[in-house]
Amino acid sequence: MWKSLKKIFNFKYKKTLSDSSSSLNLFNAKNLLCGIGKSEIRESEIVITGYPFEPSIAYSKTLISASDIEGVSVDFGVCKVYIESDIIFVSSEHKERLKQFAESNNIRLMSQSWNWDWILEPYLDTEFTKENEERCLARLIENGFSLTEIDDIRNEVKDQMYTYNFETMLWDWCSLGLSDVLSAMRAKYSQDEFKEFYKRALEIEKRT
């Protein structure tokens, strides 16, 4: 089902973008591709500036002490810093520095969570085999998701994720994850709606 929907949306969006009379509103594109701010990794603290996700502790607190960090993930893509009930993103360009930071401060290196990557796979700019789709569903079910829940989550983010990946001409074909869905839904939801979604999105990411 998702493979067929992907083909329809891919065609629709790429056809629209190829039409010279159609262009994405630049303000909306900026809202969708909001980035993850900037990070400075010091000896025993991380300084975050320009963080875009208001529910996060990093939105108002720019200095994260090593003693407050429960773990970091640097396996793939954007690095993640786990703190209390939050996940803070750090650019992959700081991967090695963040890894050294974790080791010198006795912070646990955590494995990559793939839950959102698997959920968002239908919105990548590529096609996957039925076997691959079934494998993603199997992994999600192993982590406590039901097929109904997976469908509900995908239905909630579907339109926004297609806009995020295709109308902005991002056309990511490799992986879309937690930072991507937060960026996309941030541009759609009200402050209160996004606060609730942010909480649910982190719970989904952490589920094993």
N, C-alpha and C. Protein backbone atom coordinates (compact mmCIF):
# COMPACT_ATOMS: atom_id res chain seq x y z
N MET A 1 0.82 -1.20 0.00
CA MET A 1 0.00 0.00 0.00
C MET A 1 0.86 1.26 0.00
N TRP A 2 1.86 1.30 0.94
CA TRP A 2 2.71 2.49 1.05
C TRP A 2 3.57 2.68 -0.18
N LYS A 3 3.97 1.57 -0.82
CA LYS A 3 4.79 1.69 -2.02
C LYS A 3 4.00 2.37 -3.14
N SER A 4 2.71 2.00 -3.27
CA SER A 4 1.88 2.61 -4.31
C SER A 4 1.64 4.08 -4.01
N LEU A 5 1.38 4.40 -2.72
CA LEU A 5 1.18 5.79 -2.34
C LEU A 5 2.42 6.62 -2.62
N LYS A 6 3.58 6.03 -2.37
CA LYS A 6 4.84 6.75 -2.59
C LYS A 6 5.00 7.11 -4.05
N LYS A 7 4.68 6.17 -4.94
CA LYS A 7 4.80 6.43 -6.37
C LYS A 7 3.88 7.58 -6.78
N ILE A 8 2.66 7.58 -6.24
CA ILE A 8 1.69 8.63 -6.58
C ILE A 8 2.20 9.99 -6.13
N PHE A 9 2.66 10.08 -4.89
CA PHE A 9 3.13 11.35 -4.35
C PHE A 9 4.43 11.80 -5.00
N ASN A 10 5.33 10.86 -5.25
CA ASN A 10 6.57 11.22 -5.93
C ASN A 10 6.28 11.86 -7.27
N PHE A 11 5.37 11.24 -8.01
CA PHE A 11 5.02 11.76 -9.33
C PHE A 11 4.37 13.13 -9.20
N LYS A 12 3.43 13.23 -8.27
CA LYS A 12 2.71 14.48 -8.09
C LYS A 12 3.64 15.63 -7.73
N TYR A 13 4.53 15.41 -6.74
CA TYR A 13 5.40 16.48 -6.28
C TYR A 13 6.47 16.83 -7.31
N LYS A 14 7.08 15.84 -7.94
CA LYS A 14 8.12 16.14 -8.90
C LYS A 14 7.56 16.81 -10.15
N LYS A 15 6.34 16.43 -10.52
CA LYS A 15 5.69 17.07 -11.65
C LYS A 15 5.40 18.53 -11.31
N THR A 16 4.92 18.76 -10.08
CA THR A 16 4.63 20.13 -9.65
C THR A 16 5.89 20.99 -9.64
N LEU A 17 6.97 20.41 -9.14
CA LEU A 17 8.22 21.16 -9.04
C LEU A 17 8.84 21.44 -10.40
N SER A 18 8.54 20.58 -11.38
CA SER A 18 9.09 20.79 -12.72
C SER A 18 8.31 21.84 -13.50
N ASP A 19 7.14 22.21 -13.00
CA ASP A 19 6.30 23.22 -13.64
C ASP A 19 6.82 24.60 -13.27
N SER A 20 7.22 25.37 -14.24
CA SER A 20 7.82 26.67 -13.96
C SER A 20 6.86 27.63 -13.29
N SER A 21 5.55 27.36 -13.39
CA SER A 21 4.58 28.25 -12.76
C SER A 21 4.38 27.93 -11.29
N SER A 22 5.02 26.83 -10.82
CA SER A 22 4.86 26.42 -9.43
C SER A 22 6.19 26.57 -8.69
N SER A 23 6.14 27.13 -7.51
CA SER A 23 7.36 27.24 -6.69
C SER A 23 6.97 27.18 -5.23
N LEU A 24 7.81 26.62 -4.42
CA LEU A 24 7.57 26.51 -2.99
C LEU A 24 7.77 27.86 -2.33
N ASN A 25 6.84 28.24 -1.47
CA ASN A 25 6.97 29.45 -0.70
C ASN A 25 8.25 29.38 0.13
N LEU A 26 9.16 30.33 -0.04
CA LEU A 26 10.46 30.27 0.62
C LEU A 26 10.34 30.35 2.13
N PHE A 27 9.33 31.07 2.61
CA PHE A 27 9.13 31.15 4.06
C PHE A 27 8.78 29.78 4.61
N ASN A 28 7.89 29.05 3.91
CA ASN A 28 7.51 27.71 4.35
C ASN A 28 8.69 26.75 4.29
N ALA A 29 9.51 26.88 3.25
CA ALA A 29 10.68 26.02 3.13
C ALA A 29 11.63 26.24 4.29
N LYS A 30 11.80 27.51 4.68
CA LYS A 30 12.70 27.83 5.80
C LYS A 30 12.16 27.24 7.09
N ASN A 31 10.83 27.28 7.26
CA ASN A 31 10.23 26.70 8.46
C ASN A 31 10.40 25.20 8.49
N LEU A 32 10.27 24.55 7.33
CA LEU A 32 10.40 23.10 7.26
C LEU A 32 11.84 22.66 7.49
N LEU A 33 12.77 23.32 6.84
CA LEU A 33 14.18 22.96 6.96
C LEU A 33 14.83 23.86 8.01
N CYS A 34 14.40 23.68 9.25
CA CYS A 34 14.80 24.61 10.32
C CYS A 34 16.18 24.30 10.89
N GLY A 35 16.76 23.15 10.55
CA GLY A 35 18.06 22.79 11.06
C GLY A 35 17.99 22.34 12.52
N ILE A 36 19.15 22.19 13.15
CA ILE A 36 19.20 21.73 14.54
C ILE A 36 20.05 22.66 15.41
N GLY A 37 20.26 23.87 14.95
CA GLY A 37 21.07 24.81 15.71
C GLY A 37 22.56 24.49 15.61
N LYS A 38 23.35 25.12 16.47
CA LYS A 38 24.80 24.91 16.46
C LYS A 38 25.26 24.40 17.83
N SER A 39 26.32 23.60 17.80
CA SER A 39 26.84 23.01 19.04
C SER A 39 28.33 23.28 19.18
N GLU A 40 28.73 23.56 20.39
CA GLU A 40 30.15 23.69 20.72
C GLU A 40 30.44 22.70 21.85
N ILE A 41 31.29 21.73 21.58
CA ILE A 41 31.59 20.70 22.56
C ILE A 41 32.86 21.08 23.31
N ARG A 42 32.70 21.36 24.59
CA ARG A 42 33.83 21.73 25.44
C ARG A 42 34.29 20.50 26.23
N GLU A 43 35.14 20.73 27.20
CA GLU A 43 35.71 19.61 27.95
C GLU A 43 34.67 18.83 28.74
N SER A 44 33.77 19.55 29.40
CA SER A 44 32.78 18.86 30.23
C SER A 44 31.38 19.43 30.06
N GLU A 45 31.14 20.10 28.96
CA GLU A 45 29.83 20.66 28.69
C GLU A 45 29.65 20.88 27.19
N ILE A 46 28.39 20.97 26.79
CA ILE A 46 28.05 21.24 25.40
C ILE A 46 27.21 22.51 25.36
N VAL A 47 27.60 23.44 24.51
CA VAL A 47 26.87 24.69 24.35
C VAL A 47 26.03 24.60 23.09
N ILE A 48 24.72 24.83 23.24
CA ILE A 48 23.78 24.76 22.12
C ILE A 48 23.24 26.16 21.86
N THR A 49 23.24 26.59 20.60
CA THR A 49 22.65 27.87 20.23
C THR A 49 21.74 27.69 19.02
N GLY A 50 20.70 28.49 18.97
CA GLY A 50 19.79 28.47 17.83
C GLY A 50 19.00 27.19 17.69
N TYR A 51 18.73 26.51 18.82
CA TYR A 51 18.00 25.25 18.75
C TYR A 51 16.53 25.52 18.44
N PRO A 52 15.93 24.85 17.45
CA PRO A 52 14.62 25.27 16.95
C PRO A 52 13.41 24.63 17.62
N PHE A 53 13.61 23.60 18.44
CA PHE A 53 12.47 22.84 18.96
C PHE A 53 12.11 23.31 20.37
N GLU A 54 11.08 24.14 20.45
CA GLU A 54 10.77 24.83 21.69
C GLU A 54 10.49 23.91 22.89
N PRO A 55 9.88 22.74 22.74
CA PRO A 55 9.67 21.90 23.92
C PRO A 55 10.96 21.38 24.54
N SER A 56 12.05 21.39 23.80
CA SER A 56 13.31 20.82 24.28
C SER A 56 13.95 21.69 25.35
N ILE A 57 14.66 21.03 26.25
CA ILE A 57 15.42 21.76 27.26
C ILE A 57 16.49 22.63 26.62
N ALA A 58 16.96 22.24 25.43
CA ALA A 58 18.01 23.00 24.73
C ALA A 58 17.49 24.30 24.14
N TYR A 59 16.17 24.46 24.07
CA TYR A 59 15.60 25.67 23.50
C TYR A 59 15.85 26.87 24.42
N SER A 60 15.78 26.62 25.71
CA SER A 60 15.98 27.71 26.67
C SER A 60 17.30 27.58 27.45
N LYS A 61 17.77 26.36 27.57
CA LYS A 61 19.02 26.12 28.29
C LYS A 61 20.11 25.81 27.29
N THR A 62 21.07 26.71 27.15
CA THR A 62 22.07 26.57 26.10
C THR A 62 23.31 25.81 26.54
N LEU A 63 23.45 25.55 27.83
CA LEU A 63 24.64 24.87 28.31
C LEU A 63 24.23 23.55 28.96
N ILE A 64 24.72 22.44 28.38
CA ILE A 64 24.39 21.11 28.87
C ILE A 64 25.63 20.51 29.53
N SER A 65 25.55 20.24 30.82
CA SER A 65 26.67 19.68 31.55
C SER A 65 26.79 18.18 31.29
N ALA A 66 28.02 17.70 31.24
CA ALA A 66 28.25 16.27 31.02
C ALA A 66 27.58 15.43 32.09
N SER A 67 27.51 15.94 33.30
CA SER A 67 26.90 15.19 34.41
C SER A 67 25.40 14.99 34.23
N ASP A 68 24.77 15.77 33.36
CA ASP A 68 23.33 15.66 33.12
C ASP A 68 23.01 14.72 31.96
N ILE A 69 24.02 14.26 31.25
CA ILE A 69 23.81 13.47 30.04
C ILE A 69 23.79 11.98 30.38
N GLU A 70 22.74 11.29 29.94
CA GLU A 70 22.59 9.87 30.22
C GLU A 70 23.31 9.01 29.18
N GLY A 71 23.42 9.51 27.96
CA GLY A 71 24.07 8.75 26.91
C GLY A 71 24.09 9.52 25.61
N VAL A 72 24.94 9.10 24.69
CA VAL A 72 24.99 9.72 23.36
C VAL A 72 24.99 8.63 22.30
N SER A 73 24.41 8.97 21.16
CA SER A 73 24.38 8.05 20.02
C SER A 73 25.06 8.72 18.84
N VAL A 74 26.08 8.07 18.30
CA VAL A 74 26.85 8.66 17.19
C VAL A 74 26.98 7.67 16.02
N ASP A 75 26.16 6.62 16.03
CA ASP A 75 26.30 5.55 15.05
C ASP A 75 25.97 5.97 13.63
N PHE A 76 24.93 6.81 13.47
CA PHE A 76 24.43 7.09 12.12
C PHE A 76 23.74 8.45 12.08
N GLY A 77 24.06 9.20 11.04
CA GLY A 77 23.37 10.47 10.81
C GLY A 77 23.60 11.48 11.92
N VAL A 78 22.56 12.26 12.21
CA VAL A 78 22.64 13.27 13.26
C VAL A 78 22.90 12.60 14.60
N CYS A 79 23.85 13.14 15.36
CA CYS A 79 24.16 12.59 16.68
C CYS A 79 23.05 12.99 17.65
N LYS A 80 22.85 12.14 18.66
CA LYS A 80 21.80 12.39 19.65
C LYS A 80 22.39 12.36 21.05
N VAL A 81 22.01 13.35 21.83
CA VAL A 81 22.41 13.44 23.23
C VAL A 81 21.17 13.21 24.08
N TYR A 82 21.20 12.17 24.90
CA TYR A 82 20.06 11.82 25.74
C TYR A 82 20.23 12.46 27.11
N ILE A 83 19.24 13.27 27.50
CA ILE A 83 19.30 13.96 28.78
C ILE A 83 17.92 13.98 29.40
N GLU A 84 17.80 13.48 30.63
CA GLU A 84 16.52 13.40 31.33
C GLU A 84 15.47 12.79 30.40
N SER A 85 14.41 13.51 30.10
CA SER A 85 13.37 12.99 29.22
C SER A 85 13.48 13.59 27.82
N ASP A 86 14.65 14.07 27.46
CA ASP A 86 14.82 14.78 26.20
C ASP A 86 15.89 14.11 25.33
N ILE A 87 15.87 14.44 24.06
CA ILE A 87 16.91 14.05 23.11
C ILE A 87 17.34 15.31 22.37
N ILE A 88 18.61 15.64 22.44
CA ILE A 88 19.13 16.85 21.80
C ILE A 88 20.02 16.45 20.63
N PHE A 89 19.83 17.12 19.51
CA PHE A 89 20.57 16.78 18.30
C PHE A 89 21.86 17.60 18.19
N VAL A 90 22.90 16.91 17.74
CA VAL A 90 24.19 17.53 17.48
C VAL A 90 24.63 17.13 16.07
N SER A 91 25.13 18.07 15.31
CA SER A 91 25.52 17.80 13.93
C SER A 91 26.52 16.64 13.84
N SER A 92 26.37 15.85 12.78
CA SER A 92 27.27 14.71 12.58
C SER A 92 28.71 15.14 12.35
N GLU A 93 28.94 16.41 12.02
CA GLU A 93 30.31 16.89 11.84
C GLU A 93 31.09 16.85 13.16
N HIS A 94 30.35 16.77 14.28
CA HIS A 94 30.99 16.71 15.59
C HIS A 94 31.06 15.27 16.12
N LYS A 95 30.84 14.31 15.26
CA LYS A 95 30.75 12.92 15.71
C LYS A 95 31.97 12.47 16.51
N GLU A 96 33.15 12.65 15.98
CA GLU A 96 34.36 12.18 16.66
C GLU A 96 34.61 12.96 17.95
N ARG A 97 34.37 14.25 17.90
CA ARG A 97 34.56 15.08 19.09
C ARG A 97 33.56 14.68 20.18
N LEU A 98 32.33 14.41 19.78
CA LEU A 98 31.31 14.00 20.74
C LEU A 98 31.63 12.63 21.33
N LYS A 99 32.17 11.76 20.51
CA LYS A 99 32.57 10.43 20.99
C LYS A 99 33.68 10.56 22.03
N GLN A 100 34.66 11.41 21.76
CA GLN A 100 35.73 11.65 22.72
C GLN A 100 35.19 12.27 24.01
N PHE A 101 34.25 13.19 23.84
CA PHE A 101 33.60 13.85 24.98
C PHE A 101 32.93 12.81 25.87
N ALA A 102 32.22 11.87 25.25
CA ALA A 102 31.53 10.83 26.01
C ALA A 102 32.52 9.94 26.77
N GLU A 103 33.57 9.56 26.09
CA GLU A 103 34.56 8.68 26.71
C GLU A 103 35.27 9.36 27.88
N SER A 104 35.65 10.61 27.71
CA SER A 104 36.39 11.32 28.76
C SER A 104 35.52 11.67 29.95
N ASN A 105 34.18 11.71 29.74
CA ASN A 105 33.27 12.03 30.83
C ASN A 105 32.45 10.82 31.30
N ASN A 106 32.90 9.63 30.88
CA ASN A 106 32.25 8.39 31.29
C ASN A 106 30.75 8.37 30.97
N ILE A 107 30.43 8.81 29.77
CA ILE A 107 29.05 8.82 29.30
C ILE A 107 28.83 7.61 28.38
N ARG A 108 27.72 6.96 28.56
CA ARG A 108 27.43 5.74 27.82
C ARG A 108 27.22 6.03 26.33
N LEU A 109 27.85 5.23 25.47
CA LEU A 109 27.60 5.29 24.04
C LEU A 109 26.43 4.37 23.74
N MET A 110 25.37 4.93 23.17
CA MET A 110 24.13 4.20 22.95
C MET A 110 23.99 3.81 21.48
N SER A 111 23.33 2.71 21.24
CA SER A 111 23.08 2.26 19.87
C SER A 111 22.03 3.14 19.22
N GLN A 112 22.10 3.23 17.91
CA GLN A 112 21.14 3.99 17.13
C GLN A 112 19.74 3.42 17.28
N SER A 113 18.77 4.29 17.51
CA SER A 113 17.36 3.89 17.47
C SER A 113 16.86 4.11 16.05
N TRP A 114 16.24 3.09 15.47
CA TRP A 114 15.79 3.16 14.08
C TRP A 114 14.27 3.30 13.95
N ASN A 115 13.57 3.47 15.08
CA ASN A 115 12.11 3.45 15.01
C ASN A 115 11.54 4.46 14.02
N TRP A 116 11.97 5.73 14.13
CA TRP A 116 11.43 6.73 13.22
C TRP A 116 11.94 6.52 11.79
N ASP A 117 13.15 6.04 11.63
CA ASP A 117 13.66 5.75 10.28
C ASP A 117 12.78 4.72 9.59
N TRP A 118 12.38 3.69 10.35
CA TRP A 118 11.52 2.65 9.79
C TRP A 118 10.12 3.18 9.51
N ILE A 119 9.60 3.99 10.42
CA ILE A 119 8.26 4.55 10.23
C ILE A 119 8.21 5.48 9.02
N LEU A 120 9.28 6.25 8.81
CA LEU A 120 9.29 7.26 7.75
C LEU A 120 9.81 6.73 6.41
N GLU A 121 10.13 5.46 6.34
CA GLU A 121 10.69 4.92 5.10
C GLU A 121 9.81 5.15 3.87
N PRO A 122 8.47 5.11 3.99
CA PRO A 122 7.64 5.34 2.79
C PRO A 122 7.83 6.71 2.15
N TYR A 123 8.41 7.66 2.87
CA TYR A 123 8.51 9.03 2.36
C TYR A 123 9.90 9.36 1.82
N LEU A 124 10.75 8.35 1.69
CA LEU A 124 12.06 8.55 1.07
C LEU A 124 11.91 8.62 -0.45
N ASP A 125 12.87 9.23 -1.08
CA ASP A 125 12.87 9.36 -2.54
C ASP A 125 13.51 8.13 -3.16
N THR A 126 12.93 6.98 -2.89
CA THR A 126 13.43 5.73 -3.44
C THR A 126 12.35 4.67 -3.30
N GLU A 127 12.56 3.54 -3.91
CA GLU A 127 11.62 2.43 -3.82
C GLU A 127 12.28 1.25 -3.13
N PHE A 128 11.52 0.60 -2.25
CA PHE A 128 12.03 -0.57 -1.56
C PHE A 128 11.19 -1.80 -1.93
N THR A 129 11.79 -2.95 -1.79
CA THR A 129 11.09 -4.19 -2.09
C THR A 129 10.06 -4.49 -1.01
N LYS A 130 9.13 -5.35 -1.34
CA LYS A 130 8.12 -5.78 -0.37
C LYS A 130 8.79 -6.43 0.83
N GLU A 131 9.86 -7.17 0.57
CA GLU A 131 10.59 -7.85 1.65
C GLU A 131 11.18 -6.83 2.62
N ASN A 132 11.71 -5.73 2.08
CA ASN A 132 12.29 -4.70 2.93
C ASN A 132 11.21 -4.03 3.77
N GLU A 133 10.04 -3.77 3.17
CA GLU A 133 8.95 -3.16 3.90
C GLU A 133 8.47 -4.07 5.02
N GLU A 134 8.38 -5.36 4.73
CA GLU A 134 7.96 -6.32 5.75
C GLU A 134 8.98 -6.42 6.87
N ARG A 135 10.26 -6.29 6.53
CA ARG A 135 11.32 -6.35 7.52
C ARG A 135 11.22 -5.14 8.46
N CYS A 136 10.94 -3.96 7.92
CA CYS A 136 10.78 -2.77 8.76
C CYS A 136 9.60 -2.93 9.72
N LEU A 137 8.49 -3.44 9.21
CA LEU A 137 7.32 -3.66 10.05
C LEU A 137 7.63 -4.67 11.15
N ALA A 138 8.36 -5.71 10.80
CA ALA A 138 8.72 -6.73 11.80
C ALA A 138 9.57 -6.14 12.91
N ARG A 139 10.52 -5.26 12.56
CA ARG A 139 11.38 -4.63 13.55
C ARG A 139 10.55 -3.73 14.48
N LEU A 140 9.61 -3.00 13.91
CA LEU A 140 8.77 -2.12 14.72
C LEU A 140 7.88 -2.93 15.66
N ILE A 141 7.35 -4.02 15.17
CA ILE A 141 6.52 -4.89 16.01
C ILE A 141 7.34 -5.47 17.15
N GLU A 142 8.59 -5.82 16.87
CA GLU A 142 9.49 -6.32 17.91
C GLU A 142 9.71 -5.26 19.00
N ASN A 143 9.64 -3.99 18.61
CA ASN A 143 9.85 -2.90 19.56
C ASN A 143 8.56 -2.43 20.22
N GLY A 144 7.48 -3.18 20.04
CA GLY A 144 6.25 -2.89 20.77
C GLY A 144 5.18 -2.14 20.01
N PHE A 145 5.36 -1.93 18.70
CA PHE A 145 4.35 -1.24 17.91
C PHE A 145 3.36 -2.24 17.33
N SER A 146 2.11 -1.83 17.18
CA SER A 146 1.13 -2.64 16.47
C SER A 146 0.99 -2.09 15.05
N LEU A 147 0.45 -2.90 14.16
CA LEU A 147 0.26 -2.44 12.78
C LEU A 147 -0.69 -1.24 12.73
N THR A 148 -1.71 -1.26 13.60
CA THR A 148 -2.65 -0.13 13.65
C THR A 148 -1.94 1.15 14.09
N GLU A 149 -1.09 1.02 15.10
CA GLU A 149 -0.36 2.20 15.57
C GLU A 149 0.58 2.73 14.50
N ILE A 150 1.25 1.85 13.80
CA ILE A 150 2.16 2.28 12.73
C ILE A 150 1.39 3.04 11.67
N ASP A 151 0.23 2.52 11.28
CA ASP A 151 -0.60 3.19 10.28
C ASP A 151 -1.06 4.55 10.79
N ASP A 152 -1.46 4.62 12.06
CA ASP A 152 -1.94 5.89 12.63
C ASP A 152 -0.82 6.93 12.63
N ILE A 153 0.38 6.53 13.02
CA ILE A 153 1.51 7.47 13.04
C ILE A 153 1.81 7.95 11.62
N ARG A 154 1.86 7.01 10.68
CA ARG A 154 2.15 7.39 9.30
C ARG A 154 1.08 8.29 8.71
N ASN A 155 -0.17 8.03 9.03
CA ASN A 155 -1.25 8.89 8.54
C ASN A 155 -1.14 10.29 9.10
N GLU A 156 -0.68 10.41 10.36
CA GLU A 156 -0.55 11.73 10.97
C GLU A 156 0.54 12.56 10.30
N VAL A 157 1.65 11.94 9.93
CA VAL A 157 2.80 12.70 9.42
C VAL A 157 2.92 12.66 7.90
N LYS A 158 2.13 11.86 7.25
CA LYS A 158 2.29 11.58 5.81
C LYS A 158 2.39 12.85 4.96
N ASP A 159 1.36 13.67 4.98
CA ASP A 159 1.34 14.85 4.10
C ASP A 159 2.51 15.78 4.38
N GLN A 160 2.80 15.97 5.66
CA GLN A 160 3.87 16.89 6.02
C GLN A 160 5.24 16.35 5.62
N MET A 161 5.41 15.02 5.73
CA MET A 161 6.70 14.43 5.35
C MET A 161 6.92 14.49 3.84
N TYR A 162 5.87 14.31 3.05
CA TYR A 162 6.02 14.45 1.61
C TYR A 162 6.38 15.90 1.24
N THR A 163 5.73 16.84 1.92
CA THR A 163 6.06 18.25 1.69
C THR A 163 7.51 18.52 2.08
N TYR A 164 7.91 18.01 3.23
CA TYR A 164 9.26 18.20 3.74
C TYR A 164 10.32 17.65 2.80
N ASN A 165 10.10 16.45 2.28
CA ASN A 165 11.15 15.80 1.50
C ASN A 165 11.11 16.14 0.02
N PHE A 166 9.92 16.47 -0.51
CA PHE A 166 9.82 16.68 -1.95
C PHE A 166 9.61 18.15 -2.34
N GLU A 167 8.72 18.85 -1.65
CA GLU A 167 8.47 20.23 -2.06
C GLU A 167 9.65 21.14 -1.73
N THR A 168 10.44 20.76 -0.76
CA THR A 168 11.65 21.54 -0.47
C THR A 168 12.82 21.14 -1.37
N MET A 169 12.60 20.10 -2.18
CA MET A 169 13.63 19.53 -3.05
C MET A 169 14.78 18.93 -2.26
N LEU A 170 14.49 18.51 -1.03
CA LEU A 170 15.48 17.78 -0.24
C LEU A 170 15.75 16.42 -0.87
N TRP A 171 14.67 15.74 -1.23
CA TRP A 171 14.72 14.45 -1.93
C TRP A 171 15.68 13.45 -1.27
N ASP A 172 15.56 13.34 0.03
CA ASP A 172 16.39 12.38 0.77
C ASP A 172 15.99 10.97 0.39
N TRP A 173 16.95 10.17 -0.03
CA TRP A 173 16.67 8.79 -0.44
C TRP A 173 17.26 7.77 0.52
N CYS A 174 18.01 8.26 1.52
CA CYS A 174 18.74 7.36 2.41
C CYS A 174 18.01 7.11 3.73
N SER A 175 17.72 8.18 4.45
CA SER A 175 17.13 8.01 5.78
C SER A 175 16.46 9.29 6.25
N LEU A 176 15.26 9.15 6.79
CA LEU A 176 14.58 10.23 7.48
C LEU A 176 14.34 9.76 8.91
N GLY A 177 14.63 10.63 9.88
CA GLY A 177 14.54 10.19 11.27
C GLY A 177 13.82 11.18 12.15
N LEU A 178 14.09 11.09 13.44
CA LEU A 178 13.40 11.92 14.43
C LEU A 178 13.56 13.40 14.16
N SER A 179 14.77 13.86 13.86
CA SER A 179 14.97 15.29 13.62
C SER A 179 14.18 15.78 12.42
N ASP A 180 14.01 14.91 11.42
CA ASP A 180 13.26 15.28 10.21
C ASP A 180 11.76 15.42 10.51
N VAL A 181 11.20 14.46 11.23
CA VAL A 181 9.77 14.52 11.51
C VAL A 181 9.45 15.67 12.46
N LEU A 182 10.36 15.99 13.36
CA LEU A 182 10.15 17.14 14.24
C LEU A 182 10.18 18.44 13.43
N SER A 183 11.12 18.54 12.51
CA SER A 183 11.20 19.73 11.66
C SER A 183 9.93 19.89 10.83
N ALA A 184 9.44 18.79 10.27
CA ALA A 184 8.26 18.83 9.42
C ALA A 184 7.01 19.20 10.21
N MET A 185 6.80 18.57 11.35
CA MET A 185 5.58 18.79 12.11
C MET A 185 5.61 20.12 12.86
N ARG A 186 6.78 20.60 13.16
CA ARG A 186 6.93 21.92 13.80
C ARG A 186 6.32 23.00 12.91
N ALA A 187 6.47 22.84 11.60
CA ALA A 187 5.97 23.83 10.66
C ALA A 187 4.46 23.76 10.48
N LYS A 188 3.85 22.68 10.95
CA LYS A 188 2.40 22.49 10.78
C LYS A 188 1.61 22.79 12.04
N TYR A 189 2.08 22.29 13.17
CA TYR A 189 1.31 22.34 14.40
C TYR A 189 1.43 23.67 15.13
N SER A 190 0.41 23.95 15.93
CA SER A 190 0.46 25.09 16.84
C SER A 190 1.47 24.78 17.94
N GLN A 191 1.77 25.76 18.75
CA GLN A 191 2.74 25.57 19.83
C GLN A 191 2.32 24.44 20.75
N ASP A 192 1.05 24.43 21.15
CA ASP A 192 0.55 23.39 22.06
C ASP A 192 0.51 22.03 21.36
N GLU A 193 0.09 22.01 20.11
CA GLU A 193 0.03 20.74 19.37
C GLU A 193 1.42 20.15 19.19
N PHE A 194 2.39 21.01 18.90
CA PHE A 194 3.75 20.50 18.70
C PHE A 194 4.35 20.03 20.01
N LYS A 195 4.02 20.68 21.10
CA LYS A 195 4.51 20.24 22.40
C LYS A 195 4.06 18.82 22.68
N GLU A 196 2.80 18.53 22.38
CA GLU A 196 2.28 17.18 22.58
C GLU A 196 2.92 16.19 21.61
N PHE A 197 3.07 16.61 20.35
CA PHE A 197 3.69 15.72 19.37
C PHE A 197 5.15 15.44 19.73
N TYR A 198 5.85 16.44 20.20
CA TYR A 198 7.25 16.29 20.58
C TYR A 198 7.40 15.20 21.64
N LYS A 199 6.52 15.24 22.62
CA LYS A 199 6.56 14.24 23.69
C LYS A 199 6.33 12.85 23.14
N ARG A 200 5.34 12.71 22.26
CA ARG A 200 5.05 11.40 21.66
C ARG A 200 6.18 10.93 20.75
N ALA A 201 6.77 11.86 20.02
CA ALA A 201 7.83 11.51 19.08
C ALA A 201 9.05 10.95 19.81
N LEU A 202 9.38 11.54 20.95
CA LEU A 202 10.51 11.04 21.73
C LEU A 202 10.22 9.67 22.32
N GLU A 203 8.98 9.47 22.76
CA GLU A 203 8.60 8.16 23.30
C GLU A 203 8.73 7.08 22.21
N ILE A 204 8.33 7.42 21.00
CA ILE A 204 8.44 6.49 19.88
C ILE A 204 9.90 6.17 19.59
N GLU A 205 10.74 7.19 19.61
CA GLU A 205 12.16 7.00 19.34
C GLU A 205 12.83 6.10 20.37
N LYS A 206 12.42 6.25 21.63
CA LYS A 206 13.07 5.52 22.72
C LYS A 206 12.53 4.10 22.91
N ARG A 207 11.43 3.78 22.27
CA ARG A 207 10.80 2.49 22.52
C ARG A 207 11.66 1.33 21.99
N THR A 208 11.84 0.31 22.81
CA THR A 208 12.60 -0.87 22.41
C THR A 208 11.86 -2.13 22.85
